[in-house]
Each structure stands twice: as C-alpha cells, then as structure tokens.
Amino acid sequence: MVDEEKETQASEVKEAEKQEDGEKEKPKAKFTFKCTKCDSCCLSRGPIPITFWDLEMWAKNGVLANFMPYLDIYNKPDTGIDLILKPLPPPQKEGEEKKDMKDPFATVPIEELLNVKCPLYNKDDKKCLIYDNRPLSCRTYPLEFDGKNFIVVDADCPGIGEEEMTTEELKEMRDTAKTMHYELTRMRIALPVLNQMISQKIMIDLMRQNMEAMSKMSDDDRAKLDEIFKKGSEEK
C-alpha cells in the first residue's frame, strides 16, 4: 500500500514537472501587424510628435511649407517640449456659445485636443492627405521602441495579429521604431536649447527696437508717455 502511494506521488510530481516545463518552453506570441485602414488612430491620436527626420524629408520633397500651419510647440506635463502636428479644434456646434477669451492670442489648449483627429486626415474620404510624406510616428504605429524594448502602444489596434508578416516586413517596422526613438530623442534634446536661444534673441531685438524708438521721440512725446505710465502705476 505504501509503495503504491509513493508511486502515485512520484507520478504526480513528474506530471507537475512536465506541465511546468511545458509552460517554460511555451513560445512568446509573435508580433504581427497589417494596417486594416480602420482610421481609428487617425481620428483620435491627438498631437503627433515631429522629428528632424520628418522636417528633412519634407524639405527634400518640397512640401515643408504645407506643414507650417499645423506645427506647434507642446509644453508637456513632464516639463518636456515636443514639436507636434497640432490637431485643429472641432467646429463649433450650432447653438453653442463661444468661449470668452480675454486674450486675443489665446488658442485652444492642446490638452483639450488629445482625442481629436489628425488635421491632415480627410474623415469623409477616409484618406490620409500626406500618406507619402507621413511622419515617422505614423510609419511605426502601433509599435514603439524605448531604447531597450519594443512596445505595442495600442493593444486594441485591429491590425495587430491580422496577418502574418514576413521577416523583412517585421525587420523594417522594428528599424523604423528604432529610428523614431533615436530621432525623437535628438529633437527633445535640441528643442529646449533652440527654444531658449530664439526667445532670448527675440527679447533682445525687442528691447533694442524699443530703445531706438525712445531715442527718436521728442521731449513732448516722452513726457506724455511718462504721464501714461505714471497713471497706470497709480491705478494699480
């Protein structure tokens, strides 16, 4: 009886070991992707980061000027800065009151446009208007590279697992994701430096222009201006 129990226990241990080995040997799911042109990413991706690679491609293809109205600087919550394709605010609904904007230069905050369609996507025709010149971020979507690992940033994308990829297609997509990571890192290092230098240059130029304008004013005009400043300070 004891021998039978030992044999049963040994059999159970071996079975458990087999199952454990089977779990260890189970291969990871292979990443496959085929764009289904569902347009969900184009309709709700929000700001699309732009890199030097994109700017150089547009300049080479002679279309850089076409993108200028859509480029903007995005001050991210993590204090970083991105150059982006900024989504356009959705059209105002009929009967909806306009927002009271005291600042004539105020624009809709980017944070309110995170789920708005790409400005260069035609919703009615379901067509990307710049497909041949689309940014790196669009070319690698939904696969990204963080410097160490590849990451799927949109697990709900219907193109994932849709169709078997060739080795060449998978390599090309991974290479594009690596290029995006490298180029975006370059941009995020350079942009704050360039932004600060340009801001300083503009400020110095404005101060110089104001000083030149002041030097050309007559004594009467200067006195009137001093009076205006004086009244303004008293009102405060």
Protein backbone atom coordinates (compact mmCIF):
# COMPACT_ATOMS: atom_id res chain seq x y z
CA MET A 1 0.00 0.00 0.00
CA VAL A 2 2.85 2.37 0.93
CA ASP A 3 4.64 1.54 -2.32
CA GLU A 4 1.51 2.34 -4.32
CA GLU A 5 1.18 5.72 -2.56
CA LYS A 6 4.84 6.52 -3.30
CA GLU A 7 4.38 5.61 -6.95
CA THR A 8 1.26 7.78 -7.14
CA GLN A 9 3.09 10.73 -5.56
CA ALA A 10 6.07 10.26 -7.89
CA SER A 11 3.72 10.16 -10.87
CA GLU A 12 2.02 13.37 -9.74
CA VAL A 13 5.39 15.11 -9.28
CA LYS A 14 6.52 14.08 -12.79
CA GLU A 15 3.25 15.28 -14.27
CA ALA A 16 3.60 18.63 -12.50
CA GLU A 17 7.19 18.92 -13.73
CA LYS A 18 6.05 18.20 -17.31
CA GLN A 19 3.40 20.90 -17.08
CA GLU A 20 5.92 23.34 -15.62
CA ASP A 21 8.44 22.55 -18.36
CA GLY A 22 5.70 22.97 -20.95
CA GLU A 23 4.88 26.43 -19.60
CA LYS A 24 8.55 27.40 -19.69
CA GLU A 25 9.01 26.17 -23.22
CA LYS A 26 5.82 27.85 -24.47
CA PRO A 27 6.97 30.35 -27.10
CA LYS A 28 6.05 34.01 -26.82
CA ALA A 29 3.34 35.26 -29.13
CA LYS A 30 4.93 36.61 -32.28
CA PHE A 31 4.14 40.22 -33.14
CA THR A 32 2.36 40.54 -36.47
CA PHE A 33 0.73 43.59 -37.95
CA LYS A 34 -1.12 44.62 -41.07
CA CYS A 35 -2.82 48.01 -41.30
CA THR A 36 -6.56 47.49 -41.82
CA LYS A 37 -7.15 51.18 -42.64
CA CYS A 38 -9.73 51.36 -39.85
CA ASP A 39 -8.74 55.04 -39.34
CA SER A 40 -9.19 54.90 -35.54
CA CYS A 41 -5.62 56.12 -34.91
CA CYS A 42 -6.04 58.99 -37.41
CA LEU A 43 -9.31 60.03 -35.78
CA SER A 44 -8.22 60.12 -32.14
CA ARG A 45 -4.44 60.08 -31.73
CA GLY A 46 -4.13 63.72 -30.77
CA PRO A 47 -0.78 65.55 -31.14
CA ILE A 48 1.72 63.73 -33.36
CA PRO A 49 5.40 64.30 -32.43
CA ILE A 50 7.61 65.57 -35.25
CA THR A 51 11.33 64.87 -35.62
CA PHE A 52 14.26 66.28 -37.58
CA TRP A 53 13.88 63.28 -39.89
CA ASP A 54 10.37 64.48 -40.80
CA LEU A 55 11.48 68.08 -41.36
CA GLU A 56 14.37 66.97 -43.55
CA MET A 57 12.09 64.67 -45.58
CA TRP A 58 9.53 67.45 -46.13
CA ALA A 59 12.24 69.92 -47.12
CA LYS A 60 13.74 67.41 -49.55
CA ASN A 61 10.33 66.74 -51.10
CA GLY A 62 9.50 70.46 -51.29
CA VAL A 63 6.42 70.26 -49.06
CA LEU A 64 7.69 71.77 -45.79
CA ALA A 65 5.66 74.97 -46.27
CA ASN A 66 2.46 72.89 -46.47
CA PHE A 67 3.00 71.67 -42.90
CA MET A 68 3.84 75.02 -41.29
CA PRO A 69 0.21 75.95 -40.39
CA TYR A 70 -0.12 72.73 -38.39
CA LEU A 71 3.19 72.77 -36.50
CA ASP A 72 3.20 73.88 -32.88
CA ILE A 73 5.25 73.63 -29.70
CA TYR A 74 3.75 71.41 -26.99
CA ASN A 75 4.87 72.01 -23.40
CA LYS A 76 4.23 68.57 -21.96
CA PRO A 77 3.12 67.89 -18.36
CA ASP A 78 6.55 66.34 -17.65
CA THR A 79 8.14 69.76 -18.50
CA GLY A 80 9.50 68.41 -21.79
CA ILE A 81 8.95 70.09 -25.15
CA ASP A 82 7.76 68.46 -28.38
CA LEU A 83 7.31 69.79 -31.87
CA ILE A 84 3.94 68.44 -32.98
CA LEU A 85 1.30 68.34 -35.66
CA LYS A 86 -1.42 70.05 -33.64
CA PRO A 87 -4.99 68.84 -34.12
CA LEU A 88 -7.45 71.52 -35.21
CA PRO A 89 -10.25 72.39 -32.75
CA PRO A 90 -13.52 70.70 -33.72
CA PRO A 91 -16.03 73.02 -35.40
CA GLN A 92 -18.34 74.84 -33.05
CA LYS A 93 -21.71 73.17 -32.72
CA GLU A 94 -24.79 75.10 -33.70
CA GLY A 95 -26.24 76.97 -30.75
CA GLU A 96 -23.08 76.50 -28.69
CA GLU A 97 -21.84 79.66 -27.00
CA LYS A 98 -18.38 80.88 -27.83
CA LYS A 99 -15.80 80.68 -25.09
CA ASP A 100 -14.98 84.03 -23.56
CA MET A 101 -11.33 84.60 -24.43
CA LYS A 102 -9.92 87.84 -23.00
CA ASP A 103 -6.56 87.13 -24.60
CA PRO A 104 -6.84 87.85 -28.36
CA PHE A 105 -3.90 85.49 -28.97
CA ALA A 106 -5.35 82.65 -26.91
CA THR A 107 -5.76 79.26 -28.57
CA VAL A 108 -7.43 76.02 -27.54
CA PRO A 109 -5.09 74.17 -25.12
CA ILE A 110 -3.55 71.06 -26.61
CA GLU A 111 -4.76 69.09 -23.59
CA GLU A 112 -8.31 69.61 -24.89
CA LEU A 113 -7.37 68.16 -28.28
CA LEU A 114 -5.88 64.83 -27.19
CA ASN A 115 -8.71 62.84 -28.77
CA VAL A 116 -9.16 64.95 -31.88
CA LYS A 117 -8.37 63.72 -35.39
CA CYS A 118 -5.15 64.44 -37.23
CA PRO A 119 -5.51 67.77 -39.11
CA LEU A 120 -4.25 66.11 -42.29
CA TYR A 121 -6.74 63.25 -42.35
CA ASN A 122 -9.85 63.50 -44.53
CA LYS A 123 -12.60 61.91 -42.47
CA ASP A 124 -15.19 61.87 -45.27
CA ASP A 125 -12.92 60.12 -47.79
CA LYS A 126 -11.12 58.10 -45.08
CA LYS A 127 -7.84 59.16 -46.58
CA CYS A 128 -4.52 60.45 -45.27
CA LEU A 129 -3.73 63.60 -47.25
CA ILE A 130 0.03 63.22 -46.70
CA TYR A 131 0.48 59.46 -46.79
CA ASP A 132 3.71 59.53 -48.83
CA ASN A 133 5.07 62.24 -46.51
CA ARG A 134 3.62 60.95 -43.24
CA PRO A 135 5.78 61.40 -40.11
CA LEU A 136 7.90 58.65 -38.58
CA SER A 137 5.44 58.40 -35.69
CA CYS A 138 2.73 57.32 -38.14
CA ARG A 139 5.02 54.93 -40.01
CA THR A 140 5.92 52.95 -36.89
CA TYR A 141 2.49 52.99 -35.19
CA PRO A 142 1.46 50.99 -33.12
CA LEU A 143 4.98 49.70 -32.46
CA GLU A 144 7.46 51.81 -30.50
CA PHE A 145 10.97 51.34 -29.14
CA ASP A 146 12.00 52.76 -25.75
CA GLY A 147 15.74 52.27 -26.14
CA LYS A 148 15.68 48.71 -24.79
CA ASN A 149 12.43 47.02 -25.72
CA PHE A 150 9.75 47.16 -28.39
CA ILE A 151 6.34 48.23 -27.08
CA VAL A 152 2.86 47.98 -28.57
CA VAL A 153 1.27 51.32 -27.65
CA ASP A 154 -2.23 50.42 -28.86
CA ALA A 155 -3.18 46.86 -27.96
CA ASP A 156 -6.68 47.42 -29.36
CA CYS A 157 -5.42 48.24 -32.85
CA PRO A 158 -7.28 45.79 -35.14
CA GLY A 159 -4.20 45.40 -37.34
CA ILE A 160 -2.30 43.51 -34.63
CA GLY A 161 -2.30 39.79 -35.41
CA GLU A 162 -4.34 40.47 -38.54
CA GLU A 163 -1.94 38.84 -40.96
CA GLU A 164 1.40 37.04 -40.87
CA MET A 165 4.33 39.35 -41.52
CA THR A 166 7.38 38.41 -43.50
CA THR A 167 10.74 38.58 -41.77
CA GLU A 168 11.65 41.56 -43.94
CA GLU A 169 8.45 43.46 -43.04
CA LEU A 170 8.96 42.85 -39.33
CA LYS A 171 12.58 43.98 -39.52
CA GLU A 172 11.59 47.12 -41.42
CA MET A 173 8.95 48.00 -38.81
CA ARG A 174 11.39 47.44 -35.95
CA ASP A 175 14.06 49.51 -37.70
CA THR A 176 11.53 52.32 -38.18
CA ALA A 177 10.60 52.18 -34.47
CA LYS A 178 14.29 52.41 -33.53
CA THR A 179 14.78 55.34 -35.91
CA MET A 180 11.77 57.09 -34.36
CA HIS A 181 13.21 56.65 -30.86
CA TYR A 182 16.60 58.00 -31.95
CA GLU A 183 15.17 60.97 -33.87
CA LEU A 184 12.67 61.88 -31.14
CA THR A 185 15.48 61.82 -28.57
CA ARG A 186 17.51 64.17 -30.79
CA MET A 187 14.57 66.55 -31.11
CA ARG A 188 13.80 66.53 -27.38
CA ILE A 189 17.41 67.38 -26.55
CA ALA A 190 17.75 70.12 -29.17
CA LEU A 191 14.32 71.78 -28.97
CA PRO A 192 14.59 73.28 -25.43
CA VAL A 193 18.02 74.70 -26.28
CA LEU A 194 16.83 76.19 -29.57
CA ASN A 195 13.66 77.50 -27.94
CA GLN A 196 15.62 79.31 -25.22
CA MET A 197 18.13 80.78 -27.66
CA ILE A 198 15.42 82.03 -30.03
CA SER A 199 13.39 83.50 -27.14
CA GLN A 200 16.43 85.38 -25.86
CA LYS A 201 17.22 86.67 -29.34
CA ILE A 202 13.64 87.92 -29.83
CA MET A 203 13.65 89.61 -26.40
CA ILE A 204 16.95 91.37 -27.09
CA ASP A 205 15.74 92.53 -30.51
CA LEU A 206 12.52 93.91 -29.00
CA MET A 207 14.44 95.76 -26.29
CA ARG A 208 16.78 97.23 -28.90
CA GLN A 209 13.85 98.36 -31.06
CA ASN A 210 12.15 99.97 -28.05
CA MET A 211 15.33 101.79 -27.09
CA GLU A 212 15.77 103.08 -30.64
CA ALA A 213 12.15 104.22 -30.75
CA MET A 214 12.53 106.00 -27.39
CA SER A 215 15.69 107.77 -28.56
CA LYS A 216 13.84 109.19 -31.57
CA MET A 217 10.92 110.56 -29.53
CA SER A 218 10.55 114.26 -28.93
CA ASP A 219 10.66 115.62 -25.39
CA ASP A 220 6.89 116.27 -25.50
CA ASP A 221 6.12 112.72 -26.63
CA ARG A 222 8.41 111.31 -23.96
CA ALA A 223 6.70 113.41 -21.30
CA LYS A 224 3.27 112.20 -22.46
CA LEU A 225 4.47 108.60 -22.33
CA ASP A 226 5.83 109.09 -18.80
CA GLU A 227 2.46 110.50 -17.80
CA ILE A 228 0.67 107.44 -19.17
CA PHE A 229 3.00 105.09 -17.24
CA LYS A 230 2.51 107.16 -14.11
CA LYS A 231 -1.28 106.96 -14.31
CA GLY A 232 -1.09 103.22 -14.95
CA SER A 233 1.01 102.65 -11.81
CA GLU A 234 -1.33 104.80 -9.69
CA GLU A 235 -4.38 102.84 -10.81
CA LYS A 236 -2.73 99.60 -9.67
